[in-house]
Amino acid sequence: MSARKLIAALGACALLATGCGGSAPMGAAGAAAGRDEGPVKIGALHPVSGSNAVDGQQMRRGAQMAVDAINAAGGIKSLGGRKVELVTGDTQGKADIGQSEAQRLISAGAVGLVGTYQSAVSTNVAVVAERNRVPFVADVTASDAIYAHGYKYVFRVQPGSKVIATAAAQYLQQVSQQAGKPVKKVAFLHEQSDFGSGAAEAFTAAAEQLGIEVGPNISYDAASVSDLTAQVTQVKASGADVLAVAGYYRDSLLAAKAIASVKPDLNAVWGVSNGAFDQPKFVTDAGDLGALYFSTNYHYDATNPQTVALREQYQRTYGDPMRTGAVLSYDAVQVIAQAVEKAGSTDPEKVRDAIAAAQVAPLTVGAGPIQFAPNGDNRNAMAVLMQIQDGQVKQVYPPEKAESRPEYQVTWRP
């Protein structure tokens, strides 16, 4: 069953407030154990084991840093300075485990949840949150299908798949034209779940409206793929001048290695919600990339001094660069904590209402404060274009968020 169909099936169950393998909703008055006394609990659900464990561990640390900052500033003042506690669950990158872990954290007294890095997992967590009437603020979740379901308790900090993919097409047209080499044809390589397929569909629609040809559209199973040489060879034969890629870290690294081996005649490799191309580790793992690689995605705001300070603190503490997912987790925890502060209550329904009315200053790129539309999307979330320049990931477009100018390659070949 696809994630979209699963949302519909599970969502109907949630709206009927029946089991589907879970418990009935607790309601506004049904405070779980520990919610009305002791620390204010915020649940964090991430894959800290499995193939995405590096990102999951980063995000858990980002959430913990937000909790530590809140407690250092005096805790929840409207509740007499009650401290905040992060209660955690390991989704293992599996939708069913994410679902059971979400229920466990809610039963343990979490006033809200953040997570989950993978859209398929967030699909199930959203159903659990809605059924229990406990807010879920997604930090990294690209799929738009979740936010078309009419949920009241499900929110998202990052821009969605359509927003990112549309910006990716627009930025590609603008940057390539400014370089004097307008893009003509884009091949699209993507993992086959709703995340990758949704990015490909939205990008194709936006690109074709701009007069850009898109094809071939090539999919793969991110969980099982071990080599993408055949797929990149197909790209080379297509005559595309740009390759767009939507995938997770491991499979996107495989794509980079295949590109270096097959050597297709490309002006750019264009990440669309890509989980690798804006990561410092990717630069090291992929080797000499020139300036071929761009990525349109959510991103920590490199122009914000507070973000810079947070990432420096993370580097000192953990000896590793802080990834954007960790910053989004930090933002998501702040959203819930500030809502508890504003509500003056740990009642999840009151916290939900405060989240719906929130205006929280983000540490990620945005057009304004984190502010939620009726469907739960962050109205001011925006995508930014990044490029690997001189071995570093730089924000290059749009100009108001740029650290440097884009260098659209028309002569470099892998």
Protein backbone atom coordinates (compact mmCIF):
# COMPACT_ATOMS: atom_id res chain seq x y z
CA MET A 1 0.00 0.00 0.00
CA SER A 2 1.37 3.45 -0.87
CA ALA A 3 1.90 6.09 1.82
CA ARG A 4 -0.90 8.20 0.31
CA LYS A 5 -3.38 5.33 0.55
CA LEU A 6 -2.14 4.52 4.04
CA ILE A 7 -2.81 8.10 5.13
CA ALA A 8 -6.38 7.89 3.87
CA ALA A 9 -7.02 4.53 5.51
CA LEU A 10 -5.45 5.39 8.83
CA GLY A 11 -6.85 8.90 8.76
CA ALA A 12 -10.40 7.63 8.47
CA CYS A 13 -9.70 5.51 11.52
CA ALA A 14 -8.35 8.52 13.42
CA LEU A 15 -11.32 10.71 12.57
CA LEU A 16 -13.68 7.99 13.74
CA ALA A 17 -11.68 7.88 16.99
CA THR A 18 -11.44 4.12 16.90
CA GLY A 19 -8.61 1.67 17.34
CA CYS A 20 -6.94 0.43 14.14
CA GLY A 21 -4.49 -1.20 16.50
CA GLY A 22 -4.27 1.76 18.89
CA SER A 23 -6.09 3.12 21.89
CA ALA A 24 -8.96 5.58 21.92
CA PRO A 25 -8.22 9.31 22.24
CA MET A 26 -7.42 10.63 25.65
CA GLY A 27 -9.15 13.99 25.19
CA ALA A 28 -8.44 17.35 26.77
CA ALA A 29 -9.00 16.17 30.31
CA GLY A 30 -7.24 12.85 29.92
CA ALA A 31 -3.80 13.86 31.10
CA ALA A 32 -1.34 10.98 30.86
CA ALA A 33 0.88 10.03 33.75
CA GLY A 34 3.28 12.78 34.73
CA ARG A 35 1.81 15.51 32.54
CA ASP A 36 0.45 17.68 35.35
CA GLU A 37 3.52 17.55 37.58
CA GLY A 38 7.25 17.26 37.26
CA PRO A 39 9.08 18.14 34.04
CA VAL A 40 7.15 19.16 30.94
CA LYS A 41 7.78 16.28 28.56
CA ILE A 42 8.35 16.76 24.82
CA GLY A 43 8.68 13.62 22.72
CA ALA A 44 11.34 13.27 20.01
CA LEU A 45 11.02 10.51 17.41
CA HIS A 46 13.97 9.96 15.09
CA PRO A 47 15.85 7.05 13.47
CA VAL A 48 18.86 6.71 15.76
CA SER A 49 19.55 3.21 14.46
CA GLY A 50 19.40 1.89 10.93
CA SER A 51 20.55 3.44 7.64
CA ASN A 52 19.60 7.00 8.65
CA ALA A 53 21.02 6.85 12.16
CA VAL A 54 23.54 9.66 11.62
CA ASP A 55 20.80 12.14 10.73
CA GLY A 56 18.54 10.77 13.45
CA GLN A 57 21.22 11.17 16.11
CA GLN A 58 21.90 14.70 14.91
CA MET A 59 18.23 15.59 15.20
CA ARG A 60 17.89 14.11 18.66
CA ARG A 61 20.88 16.19 19.76
CA GLY A 62 19.36 19.32 18.20
CA ALA A 63 16.14 18.72 20.12
CA GLN A 64 18.08 18.20 23.34
CA MET A 65 20.01 21.44 22.79
CA ALA A 66 16.70 23.30 22.55
CA VAL A 67 15.53 21.73 25.80
CA ASP A 68 18.80 22.64 27.51
CA ALA A 69 18.50 26.26 26.30
CA ILE A 70 14.92 26.52 27.60
CA ASN A 71 15.90 25.14 31.00
CA ALA A 72 18.96 27.40 31.22
CA ALA A 73 16.66 30.37 30.63
CA GLY A 74 14.42 29.42 33.57
CA GLY A 75 12.16 26.70 32.20
CA ILE A 76 8.45 27.30 31.55
CA LYS A 77 7.86 30.51 33.47
CA SER A 78 4.08 30.47 33.18
CA LEU A 79 4.16 27.13 35.01
CA GLY A 80 6.36 28.36 37.82
CA GLY A 81 9.64 27.52 36.11
CA ARG A 82 8.93 23.86 35.47
CA LYS A 83 11.78 22.28 33.56
CA VAL A 84 11.43 20.62 30.17
CA GLU A 85 12.45 17.03 29.60
CA LEU A 86 13.07 15.38 26.23
CA VAL A 87 11.62 11.86 26.09
CA THR A 88 12.88 9.96 23.08
CA GLY A 89 11.98 7.12 20.78
CA ASP A 90 13.96 5.35 18.07
CA THR A 91 11.82 4.84 14.98
CA GLN A 92 14.56 2.72 13.36
CA GLY A 93 13.33 4.29 10.12
CA LYS A 94 10.28 2.00 10.18
CA ALA A 95 6.72 3.31 9.97
CA ASP A 96 5.18 0.72 12.29
CA ILE A 97 7.82 1.25 14.97
CA GLY A 98 7.41 5.01 14.67
CA GLN A 99 3.71 4.55 15.28
CA SER A 100 4.16 2.41 18.40
CA GLU A 101 6.90 4.69 19.75
CA ALA A 102 4.65 7.73 19.29
CA GLN A 103 1.92 6.04 21.31
CA ARG A 104 4.43 5.11 24.01
CA LEU A 105 5.69 8.69 24.36
CA ILE A 106 2.16 10.09 24.48
CA SER A 107 1.24 7.53 27.15
CA ALA A 108 4.35 8.61 29.08
CA GLY A 109 2.96 12.15 29.26
CA ALA A 110 4.43 14.02 26.28
CA VAL A 111 2.59 17.29 25.64
CA GLY A 112 3.74 17.20 22.02
CA LEU A 113 5.95 15.31 19.58
CA VAL A 114 8.67 16.32 17.13
CA GLY A 115 10.12 14.19 14.32
CA THR A 116 10.63 12.13 12.28
CA TYR A 117 13.01 12.64 9.29
CA GLN A 118 11.13 10.18 7.03
CA SER A 119 7.75 10.97 5.52
CA ALA A 120 6.56 7.36 5.68
CA VAL A 121 7.18 7.33 9.44
CA SER A 122 5.60 10.75 9.92
CA THR A 123 2.49 9.46 8.13
CA ASN A 124 1.87 6.95 10.93
CA VAL A 125 2.91 9.30 13.73
CA ALA A 126 0.45 11.90 12.43
CA VAL A 127 -2.39 9.41 12.76
CA VAL A 128 -1.41 8.58 16.35
CA ALA A 129 -1.12 12.28 17.25
CA GLU A 130 -4.49 13.08 15.72
CA ARG A 131 -6.22 10.15 17.40
CA ASN A 132 -4.82 11.14 20.81
CA ARG A 133 -5.30 14.86 20.24
CA VAL A 134 -1.64 15.58 21.01
CA PRO A 135 0.27 18.02 18.74
CA PHE A 136 2.94 16.69 16.39
CA VAL A 137 5.36 19.28 14.97
CA ALA A 138 7.30 17.70 12.13
CA ASP A 139 10.87 18.90 11.84
CA VAL A 140 11.85 17.02 8.66
CA THR A 141 8.93 15.63 6.66
CA ALA A 142 8.71 16.48 2.97
CA SER A 143 5.49 14.72 1.95
CA ASP A 144 2.58 17.07 1.28
CA ALA A 145 0.03 14.24 1.40
CA ILE A 146 -0.04 14.32 5.21
CA TYR A 147 -1.00 18.00 5.19
CA ALA A 148 -3.84 17.55 2.72
CA HIS A 149 -5.77 15.31 5.10
CA GLY A 150 -7.40 17.94 7.32
CA TYR A 151 -5.59 17.07 10.52
CA LYS A 152 -5.84 19.58 13.37
CA TYR A 153 -2.90 18.42 15.48
CA VAL A 154 -0.21 18.00 12.83
CA PHE A 155 2.19 20.83 11.93
CA ARG A 156 5.38 21.19 9.92
CA VAL A 157 8.35 23.55 10.29
CA GLN A 158 10.14 22.85 6.99
CA PRO A 159 8.78 23.79 3.54
CA GLY A 160 6.90 20.96 1.87
CA SER A 161 7.80 18.98 -1.21
CA LYS A 162 5.84 21.14 -3.63
CA VAL A 163 7.31 24.38 -2.28
CA ILE A 164 10.86 23.04 -2.54
CA ALA A 165 10.40 21.43 -5.95
CA THR A 166 8.75 24.52 -7.43
CA ALA A 167 11.56 26.71 -6.11
CA ALA A 168 14.10 24.23 -7.52
CA ALA A 169 12.67 24.61 -11.02
CA GLN A 170 12.49 28.39 -10.76
CA TYR A 171 16.00 28.74 -9.36
CA LEU A 172 17.37 26.45 -12.08
CA GLN A 173 15.84 28.54 -14.82
CA GLN A 174 17.01 31.82 -13.30
CA VAL A 175 20.55 30.74 -12.45
CA SER A 176 21.15 29.01 -15.79
CA GLN A 177 19.86 32.03 -17.70
CA GLN A 178 22.06 34.38 -15.70
CA ALA A 179 25.03 32.19 -16.61
CA GLY A 180 24.20 32.48 -20.30
CA LYS A 181 23.42 28.76 -20.61
CA PRO A 182 19.62 28.35 -20.23
CA VAL A 183 18.65 24.85 -19.15
CA LYS A 184 17.00 22.83 -21.91
CA LYS A 185 16.40 19.31 -20.65
CA VAL A 186 16.41 17.83 -17.14
CA ALA A 187 16.60 14.13 -16.30
CA PHE A 188 15.15 13.25 -12.89
CA LEU A 189 16.56 10.49 -10.69
CA HIS A 190 14.63 9.79 -7.48
CA GLU A 191 13.93 7.25 -4.79
CA GLN A 192 10.53 5.65 -5.32
CA SER A 193 8.55 6.43 -2.17
CA ASP A 194 6.11 9.34 -1.86
CA PHE A 195 9.04 11.59 -0.88
CA GLY A 196 11.01 11.13 -4.09
CA SER A 197 8.04 10.61 -6.39
CA GLY A 198 6.30 13.70 -5.00
CA ALA A 199 9.42 15.81 -5.53
CA ALA A 200 9.72 14.56 -9.12
CA GLU A 201 6.06 15.22 -9.89
CA ALA A 202 6.08 18.74 -8.43
CA PHE A 203 9.38 19.64 -10.11
CA THR A 204 8.18 18.35 -13.47
CA ALA A 205 4.96 20.35 -13.28
CA ALA A 206 6.79 23.55 -12.36
CA ALA A 207 9.57 23.05 -14.92
CA GLU A 208 7.20 22.33 -17.79
CA GLN A 209 5.29 25.53 -17.01
CA LEU A 210 8.62 27.32 -17.45
CA GLY A 211 9.22 25.65 -20.80
CA ILE A 212 11.85 23.19 -19.51
CA GLU A 213 11.71 19.63 -20.81
CA VAL A 214 11.89 16.94 -18.13
CA GLY A 215 12.79 13.31 -18.88
CA PRO A 216 13.63 10.57 -18.42
CA ASN A 217 12.12 10.09 -14.97
CA ILE A 218 14.06 7.28 -13.27
CA SER A 219 13.17 5.76 -9.89
CA TYR A 220 14.89 3.28 -7.55
CA ASP A 221 14.40 1.67 -4.15
CA ALA A 222 16.53 3.62 -1.68
CA ALA A 223 16.47 0.80 0.86
CA SER A 224 17.95 -1.83 -1.42
CA VAL A 225 19.88 -0.04 -4.17
CA SER A 226 23.63 -0.69 -4.16
CA ASP A 227 24.69 0.90 -7.45
CA LEU A 228 23.19 3.54 -9.73
CA THR A 229 25.54 3.18 -12.69
CA ALA A 230 22.84 1.82 -15.00
CA GLN A 231 20.49 4.66 -14.15
CA VAL A 232 23.15 7.34 -14.69
CA THR A 233 24.11 5.67 -17.98
CA GLN A 234 20.47 6.13 -19.02
CA VAL A 235 20.76 9.81 -18.09
CA LYS A 236 23.90 10.14 -20.22
CA ALA A 237 22.14 8.63 -23.23
CA SER A 238 19.17 10.98 -22.83
CA GLY A 239 21.14 14.10 -23.70
CA ALA A 240 19.90 15.98 -20.62
CA ASP A 241 22.08 18.94 -19.66
CA VAL A 242 21.00 18.83 -15.98
CA LEU A 243 20.32 15.88 -13.67
CA ALA A 244 17.89 16.48 -10.79
CA VAL A 245 18.15 14.08 -7.84
CA ALA A 246 15.72 13.51 -4.96
CA GLY A 247 16.97 10.94 -2.47
CA TYR A 248 18.39 10.25 0.96
CA TYR A 249 22.06 10.44 1.90
CA ARG A 250 23.29 6.94 1.09
CA ASP A 251 21.59 6.64 -2.28
CA SER A 252 22.48 10.19 -3.31
CA LEU A 253 26.12 9.37 -2.57
CA LEU A 254 25.75 6.33 -4.83
CA ALA A 255 24.42 8.65 -7.54
CA ALA A 256 27.46 10.91 -7.17
CA LYS A 257 29.83 7.97 -7.47
CA ALA A 258 28.01 6.76 -10.59
CA ILE A 259 28.21 10.25 -12.11
CA ALA A 260 31.96 10.34 -11.52
CA SER A 261 32.27 6.95 -13.21
CA VAL A 262 29.89 7.36 -16.17
CA LYS A 263 30.77 11.03 -16.82
CA PRO A 264 27.51 12.29 -18.35
CA ASP A 265 27.77 15.65 -20.13
CA LEU A 266 26.02 17.77 -17.48
CA ASN A 267 26.05 21.46 -16.64
CA ALA A 268 24.74 20.76 -13.13
CA VAL A 269 23.49 18.10 -10.75
CA TRP A 270 20.46 19.69 -9.11
CA GLY A 271 19.32 18.36 -5.74
CA VAL A 272 15.60 18.64 -5.04
CA SER A 273 14.86 18.07 -1.33
CA ASN A 274 18.06 16.04 -1.47
CA GLY A 275 19.37 14.48 1.73
CA ALA A 276 23.06 14.64 0.79
CA PHE A 277 24.11 17.49 -1.48
CA ASP A 278 23.97 20.18 1.22
CA GLN A 279 25.81 18.12 3.84
CA PRO A 280 29.48 18.86 4.67
CA LYS A 281 30.06 15.12 5.01
CA PHE A 282 28.96 14.62 1.40
CA VAL A 283 31.81 16.81 0.18
CA THR A 284 34.27 14.53 1.96
CA ASP A 285 32.60 11.27 1.02
CA ALA A 286 32.04 12.09 -2.65
CA GLY A 287 35.55 13.38 -3.41
CA ASP A 288 36.37 16.02 -6.04
CA LEU A 289 33.03 17.45 -7.13
CA GLY A 290 34.06 20.74 -8.72
CA ALA A 291 31.08 23.09 -8.56
CA LEU A 292 28.72 20.69 -10.33
CA TYR A 293 26.45 20.06 -7.34
CA PHE A 294 23.57 22.33 -6.32
CA SER A 295 20.78 21.64 -3.84
CA THR A 296 17.41 23.32 -3.37
CA ASN A 297 16.18 22.49 0.09
CA TYR A 298 15.38 23.73 3.57
CA HIS A 299 18.57 24.90 5.27
CA TYR A 300 19.88 26.41 8.46
CA ASP A 301 20.14 30.17 8.03
CA ALA A 302 23.85 30.82 7.56
CA THR A 303 23.14 34.57 7.61
CA ASN A 304 21.57 34.46 11.12
CA PRO A 305 24.11 35.09 13.95
CA GLN A 306 22.03 32.99 16.38
CA THR A 307 22.17 30.04 14.01
CA VAL A 308 25.90 30.47 13.59
CA ALA A 309 26.34 30.48 17.38
CA LEU A 310 24.18 27.37 17.79
CA ARG A 311 26.17 25.46 15.17
CA GLU A 312 29.44 26.51 16.80
CA GLN A 313 28.13 25.20 20.13
CA TYR A 314 27.16 21.90 18.50
CA GLN A 315 30.61 21.59 16.92
CA ARG A 316 32.32 22.19 20.28
CA THR A 317 30.06 19.72 22.06
CA TYR A 318 29.95 16.87 19.56
CA GLY A 319 32.98 17.46 17.33
CA ASP A 320 30.82 17.31 14.22
CA PRO A 321 29.15 19.92 11.97
CA MET A 322 25.50 20.49 12.85
CA ARG A 323 23.25 19.48 9.98
CA THR A 324 20.11 21.32 8.96
CA GLY A 325 17.87 18.55 10.30
CA ALA A 326 19.24 19.15 13.80
CA VAL A 327 18.48 22.87 13.51
CA LEU A 328 14.93 22.08 12.39
CA SER A 329 14.52 19.82 15.42
CA TYR A 330 15.72 22.70 17.60
CA ASP A 331 13.09 24.95 16.00
CA ALA A 332 10.34 22.34 16.42
CA VAL A 333 11.02 21.91 20.15
CA GLN A 334 10.98 25.68 20.56
CA VAL A 335 7.56 25.80 18.88
CA ILE A 336 6.10 23.35 21.40
CA ALA A 337 7.82 24.88 24.43
CA GLN A 338 6.73 28.40 23.54
CA ALA A 339 3.18 27.12 23.07
CA VAL A 340 3.23 25.57 26.55
CA GLU A 341 4.51 28.90 27.87
CA LYS A 342 1.75 30.82 26.11
CA ALA A 343 -1.00 28.36 27.10
CA GLY A 344 0.22 28.21 30.70
CA SER A 345 -0.86 24.60 30.58
CA THR A 346 0.30 21.07 29.74
CA ASP A 347 -3.12 20.17 28.36
CA PRO A 348 -2.22 19.02 24.82
CA GLU A 349 -5.36 20.54 23.32
CA LYS A 350 -4.52 23.96 24.77
CA VAL A 351 -0.92 23.52 23.61
CA ARG A 352 -2.23 22.68 20.14
CA ASP A 353 -4.26 25.91 20.04
CA ALA A 354 -1.22 27.92 21.09
CA ILE A 355 0.86 26.26 18.34
CA ALA A 356 -1.79 27.14 15.77
CA ALA A 357 -1.44 30.80 16.78
CA ALA A 358 2.35 30.71 17.17
CA GLN A 359 4.92 33.13 15.79
CA VAL A 360 8.36 31.72 16.54
CA ALA A 361 11.63 33.13 15.25
CA PRO A 362 13.33 30.33 13.26
CA LEU A 363 17.00 29.46 12.99
CA THR A 364 16.35 27.97 9.55
CA VAL A 365 15.83 29.95 6.34
CA GLY A 366 12.38 31.54 6.19
CA ALA A 367 10.48 34.54 4.92
CA GLY A 368 9.37 35.43 8.45
CA PRO A 369 8.48 33.76 11.76
CA ILE A 370 7.26 30.18 11.97
CA GLN A 371 3.53 30.68 11.57
CA PHE A 372 1.09 27.92 10.69
CA ALA A 373 -1.61 27.84 8.03
CA PRO A 374 -4.88 25.98 8.76
CA ASN A 375 -3.47 22.78 7.19
CA GLY A 376 -0.45 22.88 9.54
CA ASP A 377 2.13 24.13 7.06
CA ASN A 378 4.58 26.85 8.05
CA ARG A 379 3.42 29.86 6.00
CA ASN A 380 6.89 31.41 5.93
CA ALA A 381 8.98 28.33 5.21
CA MET A 382 11.10 28.76 2.11
CA ALA A 383 13.69 26.86 0.14
CA VAL A 384 17.18 28.13 -0.57
CA LEU A 385 19.65 27.12 -3.28
CA MET A 386 23.03 25.86 -2.14
CA GLN A 387 26.17 24.98 -4.08
CA ILE A 388 29.39 23.18 -3.26
CA GLN A 389 32.09 25.81 -3.77
CA ASP A 390 35.75 25.24 -2.89
CA GLY A 391 34.85 22.24 -0.77
CA GLN A 392 32.14 24.03 1.23
CA VAL A 393 28.36 24.22 1.00
CA LYS A 394 27.29 27.81 0.40
CA GLN A 395 23.89 29.47 0.20
CA VAL A 396 23.86 31.08 -3.27
CA TYR A 397 20.24 31.97 -4.17
CA PRO A 398 17.99 33.92 -3.80
CA PRO A 399 20.26 36.95 -3.39
CA GLU A 400 18.79 38.06 -0.05
CA LYS A 401 19.84 34.73 1.54
CA ALA A 402 23.10 34.23 -0.37
CA GLU A 403 26.57 33.88 1.12
CA SER A 404 28.11 33.94 -2.36
CA ARG A 405 27.06 34.03 -6.00
CA PRO A 406 26.09 30.84 -7.87
CA GLU A 407 28.70 29.48 -10.25
CA TYR A 408 26.72 27.57 -12.86
CA GLN A 409 29.26 25.29 -14.55
CA VAL A 410 29.32 25.25 -18.35
CA THR A 411 32.82 23.88 -18.89
CA TRP A 412 33.65 21.52 -15.98
CA ARG A 413 33.15 17.80 -16.56
CA PRO A 414 33.57 14.98 -14.02
